[in-house]
PDB file of N, CA and C in Angstrom:
ATOM      1  N   UNK A   1     117.841   2.377  52.329  1.00  0.00           N
ATOM      2  CA  UNK A   1     118.178   3.849  52.255  1.00  0.00           C
ATOM      3  C   UNK A   1     118.603   4.626  53.485  1.00  0.00           C
ATOM      4  N   UNK A   2     118.680   4.049  54.738  1.00  0.00           N
ATOM      5  CA  UNK A   2     118.993   4.300  55.833  1.00  0.00           C
ATOM      6  C   UNK A   2     120.184   4.742  55.913  1.00  0.00           C
ATOM      7  N   UNK A   3     121.445   3.074  55.153  1.00  0.00           N
ATOM      8  CA  UNK A   3     122.288   3.270  55.067  1.00  0.00           C
ATOM      9  C   UNK A   3     122.985   4.057  54.077  1.00  0.00           C
ATOM     10  N   UNK A   4     122.489   4.801  53.419  1.00  0.00           N
ATOM     11  CA  UNK A   4     123.178   5.723  52.510  1.00  0.00           C
ATOM     12  C   UNK A   4     123.033   7.157  53.036  1.00  0.00           C
ATOM     13  N   UNK A   5     121.942   7.461  54.235  1.00  0.00           N
ATOM     14  CA  UNK A   5     122.174   8.594  54.987  1.00  0.00           C
ATOM     15  C   UNK A   5     123.198   8.754  56.061  1.00  0.00           C
ATOM     16  N   UNK A   6     123.426   7.522  56.606  1.00  0.00           N
ATOM     17  CA  UNK A   6     123.969   7.345  57.622  1.00  0.00           C
ATOM     18  C   UNK A   6     125.727   7.668  57.046  1.00  0.00           C
ATOM     19  N   UNK A   7     125.597   7.023  55.717  1.00  0.00           N
ATOM     20  CA  UNK A   7     127.325   7.204  55.552  1.00  0.00           C
ATOM     21  C   UNK A   7     127.363   8.521  55.146  1.00  0.00           C
ATOM     22  N   UNK A   8     126.518   9.419  54.524  1.00  0.00           N
ATOM     23  CA  UNK A   8     126.922  10.962  54.359  1.00  0.00           C
ATOM     24  C   UNK A   8     126.777  11.682  55.760  1.00  0.00           C
ATOM     25  N   UNK A   9     126.133  11.106  56.859  1.00  0.00           N
ATOM     26  CA  UNK A   9     126.281  11.691  58.050  1.00  0.00           C
ATOM     27  C   UNK A   9     127.485  11.542  58.515  1.00  0.00           C
ATOM     28  N   UNK A  10     127.860  10.227  58.202  1.00  0.00           N
ATOM     29  CA  UNK A  10     129.355   9.802  58.460  1.00  0.00           C
ATOM     30  C   UNK A  10     130.823  10.422  58.204  1.00  0.00           C
ATOM     31  N   UNK A  11     130.577  11.137  56.967  1.00  0.00           N
ATOM     32  CA  UNK A  11     131.424  11.979  55.920  1.00  0.00           C
ATOM     33  C   UNK A  11     131.311  13.046  56.806  1.00  0.00           C
ATOM     34  N   UNK A  12     130.193  13.802  56.922  1.00  0.00           N
ATOM     35  CA  UNK A  12     129.814  15.301  57.539  1.00  0.00           C
ATOM     36  C   UNK A  12     130.541  15.211  58.212  1.00  0.00           C
ATOM     37  N   UNK A  13     130.180  14.350  59.425  1.00  0.00           N
ATOM     38  CA  UNK A  13     130.619  14.673  60.769  1.00  0.00           C
ATOM     39  C   UNK A  13     132.013  14.447  60.724  1.00  0.00           C
ATOM     40  N   UNK A  14     132.867  13.574  60.358  1.00  0.00           N
ATOM     41  CA  UNK A  14     134.586  13.531  59.746  1.00  0.00           C
ATOM     42  C   UNK A  14     135.241  14.955  59.205  1.00  0.00           C
ATOM     43  N   UNK A  15     134.523  15.523  58.237  1.00  0.00           N
ATOM     44  CA  UNK A  15     134.313  16.374  58.186  1.00  0.00           C
ATOM     45  C   UNK A  15     134.651  17.594  58.854  1.00  0.00           C
ATOM     46  N   UNK A  16     133.291  17.580  60.067  1.00  0.00           N
ATOM     47  CA  UNK A  16     133.621  18.996  60.774  1.00  0.00           C
ATOM     48  C   UNK A  16     134.722  18.556  61.685  1.00  0.00           C
ATOM     49  N   UNK A  17     134.873  17.392  62.360  1.00  0.00           N
ATOM     50  CA  UNK A  17     135.813  17.525  63.375  1.00  0.00           C
ATOM     51  C   UNK A  17     137.140  17.072  63.345  1.00  0.00           C
ATOM     52  N   UNK A  18     137.268  17.063  61.310  1.00  0.00           N
ATOM     53  CA  UNK A  18     138.811  17.598  61.281  1.00  0.00           C
ATOM     54  C   UNK A  18     138.697  19.269  61.003  1.00  0.00           C
ATOM     55  N   UNK A  19     137.591  19.874  60.819  1.00  0.00           N
ATOM     56  CA  UNK A  19     137.907  21.194  60.712  1.00  0.00           C
ATOM     57  C   UNK A  19     138.359  21.592  61.838  1.00  0.00           C
ATOM     58  N   UNK A  20     137.470  21.556  63.014  1.00  0.00           N
ATOM     59  CA  UNK A  20     137.688  21.618  64.488  1.00  0.00           C
ATOM     60  C   UNK A  20     138.960  21.503  65.178  1.00  0.00           C
ATOM     61  N   UNK A  21     139.158  20.108  64.818  1.00  0.00           N
ATOM     62  CA  UNK A  21     140.651  19.947  65.073  1.00  0.00           C
ATOM     63  C   UNK A  21     141.820  21.319  64.541  1.00  0.00           C
ATOM     64  N   UNK A  22     141.940  20.923  63.088  1.00  0.00           N
ATOM     65  CA  UNK A  22     142.742  21.961  62.332  1.00  0.00           C
ATOM     66  C   UNK A  22     142.466  23.216  63.147  1.00  0.00           C
ATOM     67  N   UNK A  23     141.201  23.986  63.244  1.00  0.00           N
ATOM     68  CA  UNK A  23     141.232  25.099  63.852  1.00  0.00           C
ATOM     69  C   UNK A  23     141.595  25.485  65.131  1.00  0.00           C
ATOM     70  N   UNK A  24     141.789  23.912  65.951  1.00  0.00           N
ATOM     71  CA  UNK A  24     142.092  23.889  67.209  1.00  0.00           C
ATOM     72  C   UNK A  24     143.682  24.011  67.276  1.00  0.00           C
ATOM     73  N   UNK A  25     144.669  23.464  66.174  1.00  0.00           N
ATOM     74  CA  UNK A  25     145.830  23.350  66.271  1.00  0.00           C
ATOM     75  C   UNK A  25     146.042  24.582  65.608  1.00  0.00           C
ATOM     76  N   UNK A  26     145.596  25.349  64.887  1.00  0.00           N
ATOM     77  CA  UNK A  26     146.091  26.706  63.870  1.00  0.00           C
ATOM     78  C   UNK A  26     146.163  27.809  65.308  1.00  0.00           C
ATOM     79  N   UNK A  27     144.885  27.473  66.152  1.00  0.00           N
ATOM     80  CA  UNK A  27     144.603  28.523  67.263  1.00  0.00           C
ATOM     81  C   UNK A  27     145.919  28.190  68.003  1.00  0.00           C
ATOM     82  N   UNK A  28     146.452  27.306  68.786  1.00  0.00           N
ATOM     83  CA  UNK A  28     147.606  26.771  69.753  1.00  0.00           C
ATOM     84  C   UNK A  28     149.008  26.867  69.135  1.00  0.00           C
ATOM     85  N   UNK A  29     149.188  27.370  67.717  1.00  0.00           N
ATOM     86  CA  UNK A  29     150.198  27.113  67.208  1.00  0.00           C
ATOM     87  C   UNK A  29     150.404  28.722  67.105  1.00  0.00           C
ATOM     88  N   UNK A  30     149.272  29.547  66.599  1.00  0.00           N
ATOM     89  CA  UNK A  30     149.597  31.000  66.482  1.00  0.00           C
ATOM     90  C   UNK A  30     150.086  32.007  67.207  1.00  0.00           C
ATOM     91  N   UNK A  31     150.685  32.652  66.968  1.00  0.00           N
ATOM     92  CA  UNK A  31     151.630  33.410  67.587  1.00  0.00           C
ATOM     93  C   UNK A  31     151.057  34.602  68.242  1.00  0.00           C
ATOM     94  N   UNK A  32     149.990  34.467  69.415  1.00  0.00           N
ATOM     95  CA  UNK A  32     149.332  34.969  70.339  1.00  0.00           C
ATOM     96  C   UNK A  32     149.699  35.154  71.551  1.00  0.00           C
ATOM     97  N   UNK A  33     149.188  36.101  72.449  1.00  0.00           N
ATOM     98  CA  UNK A  33     148.961  35.908  74.081  1.00  0.00           C
ATOM     99  C   UNK A  33     148.315  34.717  74.510  1.00  0.00           C
ATOM    100  N   UNK A  34     148.183  34.840  75.921  1.00  0.00           N
ATOM    101  CA  UNK A  34     147.891  33.777  76.299  1.00  0.00           C
ATOM    102  C   UNK A  34     145.785  33.719  76.343  1.00  0.00           C
ATOM    103  N   UNK A  35     146.097  35.058  76.656  1.00  0.00           N
ATOM    104  CA  UNK A  35     144.589  35.844  77.167  1.00  0.00           C
ATOM    105  C   UNK A  35     144.085  35.561  75.923  1.00  0.00           C
ATOM    106  N   UNK A  36     144.800  36.157  74.617  1.00  0.00           N
ATOM    107  CA  UNK A  36     143.765  36.239  73.286  1.00  0.00           C
ATOM    108  C   UNK A  36     143.469  34.778  72.888  1.00  0.00           C
ATOM    109  N   UNK A  37     144.253  34.196  72.869  1.00  0.00           N
ATOM    110  CA  UNK A  37     144.270  32.805  72.788  1.00  0.00           C
ATOM    111  C   UNK A  37     143.058  31.845  73.557  1.00  0.00           C
ATOM    112  N   UNK A  38     142.932  32.112  74.479  1.00  0.00           N
ATOM    113  CA  UNK A  38     141.627  31.465  75.489  1.00  0.00           C
ATOM    114  C   UNK A  38     140.774  32.520  74.911  1.00  0.00           C
ATOM    115  N   UNK A  39     140.412  33.537  74.767  1.00  0.00           N
ATOM    116  CA  UNK A  39     139.390  33.967  74.356  1.00  0.00           C
ATOM    117  C   UNK A  39     138.870  33.545  72.919  1.00  0.00           C
ATOM    118  N   UNK A  40     139.797  33.765  72.188  1.00  0.00           N
ATOM    119  CA  UNK A  40     139.359  32.823  70.766  1.00  0.00           C
ATOM    120  C   UNK A  40     138.783  31.417  70.688  1.00  0.00           C
ATOM    121  N   UNK A  41     139.611  30.597  71.702  1.00  0.00           N
ATOM    122  CA  UNK A  41     139.233  28.992  71.987  1.00  0.00           C
ATOM    123  C   UNK A  41     137.698  29.354  72.464  1.00  0.00           C
ATOM    124  N   UNK A  42     137.269  30.464  73.499  1.00  0.00           N
ATOM    125  CA  UNK A  42     136.056  30.023  74.291  1.00  0.00           C
ATOM    126  C   UNK A  42     135.132  30.799  73.052  1.00  0.00           C
ATOM    127  N   UNK A  43     135.172  31.301  72.178  1.00  0.00           N
ATOM    128  CA  UNK A  43     134.465  32.045  71.452  1.00  0.00           C
ATOM    129  C   UNK A  43     134.162  30.441  70.196  1.00  0.00           C
ATOM    130  N   UNK A  44     135.194  29.938  69.643  1.00  0.00           N
ATOM    131  CA  UNK A  44     134.762  29.167  68.848  1.00  0.00           C
ATOM    132  C   UNK A  44     134.156  27.758  69.404  1.00  0.00           C
ATOM    133  N   UNK A  45     134.384  27.780  70.638  1.00  0.00           N
ATOM    134  CA  UNK A  45     133.606  26.448  71.616  1.00  0.00           C
ATOM    135  C   UNK A  45     132.060  26.595  71.661  1.00  0.00           C
ATOM    136  N   UNK A  46     131.934  27.964  71.834  1.00  0.00           N
ATOM    137  CA  UNK A  46     130.301  28.401  71.445  1.00  0.00           C
ATOM    138  C   UNK A  46     130.112  28.045  70.393  1.00  0.00           C
ATOM    139  N   UNK A  47     130.517  28.780  69.357  1.00  0.00           N
ATOM    140  CA  UNK A  47     130.193  28.498  68.254  1.00  0.00           C
ATOM    141  C   UNK A  47     130.154  27.046  68.033  1.00  0.00           C
ATOM    142  N   UNK A  48     130.799  26.275  68.455  1.00  0.00           N
ATOM    143  CA  UNK A  48     130.989  24.651  67.887  1.00  0.00           C
ATOM    144  C   UNK A  48     129.693  24.211  68.843  1.00  0.00           C
ATOM    145  N   UNK A  49     129.485  24.463  69.993  1.00  0.00           N
ATOM    146  CA  UNK A  49     128.040  24.104  70.942  1.00  0.00           C
ATOM    147  C   UNK A  49     127.220  24.203  70.319  1.00  0.00           C
ATOM    148  N   UNK A  50     126.743  25.707  69.650  1.00  0.00           N
ATOM    149  CA  UNK A  50     125.782  26.146  69.006  1.00  0.00           C
ATOM    150  C   UNK A  50     125.467  25.025  67.817  1.00  0.00           C
ATOM    151  N   UNK A  51     126.530  25.158  66.565  1.00  0.00           N
ATOM    152  CA  UNK A  51     126.341  24.241  65.942  1.00  0.00           C
ATOM    153  C   UNK A  51     126.083  23.053  66.001  1.00  0.00           C
ATOM    154  N   UNK A  52     126.561  22.039  67.014  1.00  0.00           N
ATOM    155  CA  UNK A  52     126.443  20.872  67.829  1.00  0.00           C
ATOM    156  C   UNK A  52     124.754  20.839  68.660  1.00  0.00           C
ATOM    157  N   UNK A  53     124.200  22.198  68.514  1.00  0.00           N
ATOM    158  CA  UNK A  53     122.617  21.967  69.316  1.00  0.00           C
ATOM    159  C   UNK A  53     122.093  21.903  68.252  1.00  0.00           C
ATOM    160  N   UNK A  54     122.162  22.609  66.998  1.00  0.00           N
ATOM    161  CA  UNK A  54     121.748  22.870  65.963  1.00  0.00           C
ATOM    162  C   UNK A  54     121.727  21.129  64.898  1.00  0.00           C
ATOM    163  N   UNK A  55     122.521  20.493  64.728  1.00  0.00           N
ATOM    164  CA  UNK A  55     122.770  19.183  64.332  1.00  0.00           C
ATOM    165  C   UNK A  55     122.142  18.538  64.857  1.00  0.00           C
ATOM    166  N   UNK A  56     122.346  18.232  66.638  1.00  0.00           N
ATOM    167  CA  UNK A  56     121.407  17.226  67.372  1.00  0.00           C
ATOM    168  C   UNK A  56     119.568  17.769  66.846  1.00  0.00           C
ATOM    169  N   UNK A  57     119.377  18.761  66.605  1.00  0.00           N
ATOM    170  CA  UNK A  57     117.829  19.054  66.429  1.00  0.00           C
ATOM    171  C   UNK A  57     117.316  18.605  64.932  1.00  0.00           C
ATOM    172  N   UNK A  58     118.607  18.546  63.959  1.00  0.00           N
ATOM    173  CA  UNK A  58     118.125  18.251  62.824  1.00  0.00           C
ATOM    174  C   UNK A  58     118.371  16.751  62.963  1.00  0.00           C
ATOM    175  N   UNK A  59     118.908  16.001  63.918  1.00  0.00           N
ATOM    176  CA  UNK A  59     118.576  14.783  63.745  1.00  0.00           C
ATOM    177  C   UNK A  59     117.985  13.969  64.444  1.00  0.00           C
ATOM    178  N   UNK A  60     117.247  14.958  65.457  1.00  0.00           N
ATOM    179  CA  UNK A  60     116.202  14.481  65.931  1.00  0.00           C
ATOM    180  C   UNK A  60     114.941  14.661  65.048  1.00  0.00           C
ATOM    181  N   UNK A  61     114.883  15.665  64.253  1.00  0.00           N
ATOM    182  CA  UNK A  61     113.626  15.741  63.404  1.00  0.00           C
ATOM    183  C   UNK A  61     114.099  14.734  62.564  1.00  0.00           C
ATOM    184  N   UNK A  62     115.092  14.422  61.855  1.00  0.00           N
ATOM    185  CA  UNK A  62     115.253  12.948  61.193  1.00  0.00           C
ATOM    186  C   UNK A  62     114.763  11.775  61.583  1.00  0.00           C
ATOM    187  N   UNK A  63     115.043  11.794  62.871  1.00  0.00           N
ATOM    188  CA  UNK A  63     114.493  10.734  63.511  1.00  0.00           C
ATOM    189  C   UNK A  63     112.981  10.673  63.448  1.00  0.00           C
ATOM    190  N   UNK A  64     112.474  11.511  64.174  1.00  0.00           N
ATOM    191  CA  UNK A  64     110.770  11.221  64.141  1.00  0.00           C
ATOM    192  C   UNK A  64     110.535  11.294  62.879  1.00  0.00           C
ATOM    193  N   UNK A  65     110.725  11.766  61.611  1.00  0.00           N
ATOM    194  CA  UNK A  65     110.451  11.306  60.076  1.00  0.00           C
ATOM    195  C   UNK A  65     110.220  10.504  59.981  1.00  0.00           C
ATOM    196  N   UNK A  66     111.610   9.200  60.317  1.00  0.00           N
ATOM    197  CA  UNK A  66     111.831   8.254  59.734  1.00  0.00           C
ATOM    198  C   UNK A  66     111.201   7.220  60.650  1.00  0.00           C
ATOM    199  N   UNK A  67     110.712   7.901  61.855  1.00  0.00           N
ATOM    200  CA  UNK A  67     110.044   6.775  63.084  1.00  0.00           C
ATOM    201  C   UNK A  67     108.488   7.132  62.304  1.00  0.00           C
ATOM    202  N   UNK A  68     108.281   8.549  62.126  1.00  0.00           N
ATOM    203  CA  UNK A  68     107.220   8.180  61.511  1.00  0.00           C
ATOM    204  C   UNK A  68     106.657   7.605  60.301  1.00  0.00           C
ATOM    205  N   UNK A  69     107.918   7.548  59.629  1.00  0.00           N
ATOM    206  CA  UNK A  69     107.135   6.942  58.174  1.00  0.00           C
ATOM    207  C   UNK A  69     107.540   5.408  57.964  1.00  0.00           C
ATOM    208  N   UNK A  70     107.988   5.266  59.054  1.00  0.00           N
ATOM    209  CA  UNK A  70     107.880   3.751  59.153  1.00  0.00           C
ATOM    210  C   UNK A  70     106.626   2.777  60.192  1.00  0.00           C
ATOM    211  N   UNK A  71     105.984   3.801  61.245  1.00  0.00           N
ATOM    212  CA  UNK A  71     104.875   3.187  61.731  1.00  0.00           C
ATOM    213  C   UNK A  71     103.731   3.208  60.335  1.00  0.00           C
ATOM    214  N   UNK A  72     104.065   4.645  60.050  1.00  0.00           N
ATOM    215  CA  UNK A  72     102.822   4.496  58.637  1.00  0.00           C
ATOM    216  C   UNK A  72     103.102   3.612  57.523  1.00  0.00           C
ATOM    217  N   UNK A  73     103.919   2.798  57.338  1.00  0.00           N
ATOM    218  CA  UNK A  73     104.289   1.552  56.369  1.00  0.00           C
ATOM    219  C   UNK A  73     104.014   0.407  57.371  1.00  0.00           C
ATOM    220  N   UNK A  74     104.461   0.236  58.548  1.00  0.00           N
ATOM    221  CA  UNK A  74     103.909  -0.906  59.168  1.00  0.00           C
ATOM    222  C   UNK A  74     102.636  -0.836  59.536  1.00  0.00           C
ATOM    223  N   UNK A  75     101.696   0.406  59.684  1.00  0.00           N
ATOM    224  CA  UNK A  75     100.263   0.112  59.799  1.00  0.00           C
ATOM    225  C   UNK A  75      99.635  -0.060  58.190  1.00  0.00           C
ATOM    226  N   UNK A  76     100.088   0.659  57.118  1.00  0.00           N
ATOM    227  CA  UNK A  76      99.729  -0.229  55.689  1.00  0.00           C
ATOM    228  C   UNK A  76     100.140  -1.274  55.453  1.00  0.00           C
ATOM    229  N   UNK A  77     101.262  -1.864  55.933  1.00  0.00           N
ATOM    230  CA  UNK A  77     101.566  -3.544  55.818  1.00  0.00           C
ATOM    231  C   UNK A  77     100.334  -4.572  56.318  1.00  0.00           C
ATOM    232  N   UNK A  78      99.792  -3.415  58.185  1.00  0.00           N
ATOM    233  CA  UNK A  78      98.997  -4.429  58.535  1.00  0.00           C
ATOM    234  C   UNK A  78      97.507  -4.766  57.747  1.00  0.00           C
ATOM    235  N   UNK A  79      97.365  -3.301  57.686  1.00  0.00           N
ATOM    236  CA  UNK A  79      95.901  -3.147  56.568  1.00  0.00           C
ATOM    237  C   UNK A  79      95.929  -4.124  55.155  1.00  0.00           C
ATOM    238  N   UNK A  80      97.001  -4.089  54.649  1.00  0.00           N
ATOM    239  CA  UNK A  80      97.060  -4.619  53.218  1.00  0.00           C
ATOM    240  C   UNK A  80      96.877  -6.172  54.161  1.00  0.00           C
ATOM    241  N   UNK A  81      97.407  -7.094  55.031  1.00  0.00           N
ATOM    242  CA  UNK A  81      97.622  -8.210  55.173  1.00  0.00           C
ATOM    243  C   UNK A  81      96.086  -8.376  55.784  1.00  0.00           C
ATOM    244  N   UNK A  82      95.164  -7.730  56.252  1.00  0.00           N
ATOM    245  CA  UNK A  82      94.078  -8.047  57.290  1.00  0.00           C
ATOM    246  C   UNK A  82      93.205  -8.127  55.944  1.00  0.00           C
ATOM    247  N   UNK A  83      92.826  -7.012  54.692  1.00  0.00           N
ATOM    248  CA  UNK A  83      92.485  -6.916  54.031  1.00  0.00           C
ATOM    249  C   UNK A  83      92.711  -8.496  52.758  1.00  0.00           C
ATOM    250  N   UNK A  84      94.291  -8.962  52.867  1.00  0.00           N
ATOM    251  CA  UNK A  84      94.504 -10.118  51.861  1.00  0.00           C
ATOM    252  C   UNK A  84      94.034 -11.362  52.849  1.00  0.00           C
ATOM    253  N   UNK A  85      93.658 -11.116  53.984  1.00  0.00           N
ATOM    254  CA  UNK A  85      93.514 -12.119  54.811  1.00  0.00           C
ATOM    255  C   UNK A  85      91.831 -12.116  55.046  1.00  0.00           C
ATOM    256  N   UNK A  86      91.134 -11.517  54.946  1.00  0.00           N
ATOM    257  CA  UNK A  86      89.879 -11.375  54.756  1.00  0.00           C
ATOM    258  C   UNK A  86      89.300 -11.916  53.193  1.00  0.00           C
ATOM    259  N   UNK A  87      89.820 -11.432  52.546  1.00  0.00           N
ATOM    260  CA  UNK A  87      89.549 -11.836  51.410  1.00  0.00           C
ATOM    261  C   UNK A  87      89.311 -13.312  50.484  1.00  0.00           C
ATOM    262  N   UNK A  88      89.995 -14.348  51.354  1.00  0.00           N
ATOM    263  CA  UNK A  88      90.449 -15.715  51.308  1.00  0.00           C
ATOM    264  C   UNK A  88      88.946 -16.316  51.461  1.00  0.00           C
ATOM    265  N   UNK A  89      89.015 -17.322  50.938  1.00  0.00           N
ATOM    266  CA  UNK A  89      87.687 -18.156  51.163  1.00  0.00           C
ATOM    267  C   UNK A  89      87.467 -18.417  52.860  1.00  0.00           C
ATOM    268  N   UNK A  90      86.096 -18.817  52.907  1.00  0.00           N
ATOM    269  CA  UNK A  90      86.263 -18.526  54.492  1.00  0.00           C
ATOM    270  C   UNK A  90      86.681 -19.943  55.266  1.00  0.00           C
ATOM    271  N   UNK A  91      87.310 -21.054  54.337  1.00  0.00           N
ATOM    272  CA  UNK A  91      87.617 -22.090  54.810  1.00  0.00           C
ATOM    273  C   UNK A  91      89.026 -21.887  55.173  1.00  0.00           C
ATOM    274  N   UNK A  92      89.773 -20.876  54.414  1.00  0.00           N
ATOM    275  CA  UNK A  92      91.277 -20.508  54.575  1.00  0.00           C
ATOM    276  C   UNK A  92      92.161 -21.316  53.836  1.00  0.00           C
ATOM    277  N   UNK A  93      93.107 -21.163  53.361  1.00  0.00           N
ATOM    278  CA  UNK A  93      94.208 -21.717  53.071  1.00  0.00           C
ATOM    279  C   UNK A  93      94.232 -23.272  53.819  1.00  0.00           C
ATOM    280  N   UNK A  94      94.667 -24.589  52.278  1.00  0.00           N
ATOM    281  CA  UNK A  94      94.221 -25.837  52.861  1.00  0.00           C
ATOM    282  C   UNK A  94      92.643 -26.205  53.210  1.00  0.00           C
ATOM    283  N   UNK A  95      91.819 -25.124  53.062  1.00  0.00           N
ATOM    284  CA  UNK A  95      90.814 -25.978  53.352  1.00  0.00           C
ATOM    285  C   UNK A  95      90.152 -26.899  51.750  1.00  0.00           C
ATOM    286  N   UNK A  96      90.892 -26.907  51.045  1.00  0.00           N
ATOM    287  CA  UNK A  96      90.186 -27.403  50.000  1.00  0.00           C
ATOM    288  C   UNK A  96      90.093 -29.031  49.668  1.00  0.00           C
ATOM    289  N   UNK A  97      91.100 -29.303  50.600  1.00  0.00           N
ATOM    290  CA  UNK A  97      91.721 -30.277  50.418  1.00  0.00           C
ATOM    291  C   UNK A  97      90.838 -31.727  51.605  1.00  0.00           C
ATOM    292  N   UNK A  98      90.183 -30.767  52.330  1.00  0.00           N
ATOM    293  CA  UNK A  98      89.652 -31.450  53.549  1.00  0.00           C
ATOM    294  C   UNK A  98      88.221 -31.901  53.095  1.00  0.00           C
TER     295      UNK A  98
END
């Protein structure tokens, strides 16, 4: 399942990077004064940094949820193993032929 999520994340990241690159090219080729272009680039950079922080926070949240899910699954697996092991005859596997 993780591969499905990372594939979607890669597509979204590629889309965002393409949009940023397109915006940068549009700003650099637009007929505006240097001061105005620098101001616009600064605003876009701040917006992009804010979005990057939001995406990083979302990524951390997803990572923490996945880690918690994995830890829970490992604990359930350990418990199931211990229960299955405790349910076996006292001689353990292979003790019947002794």
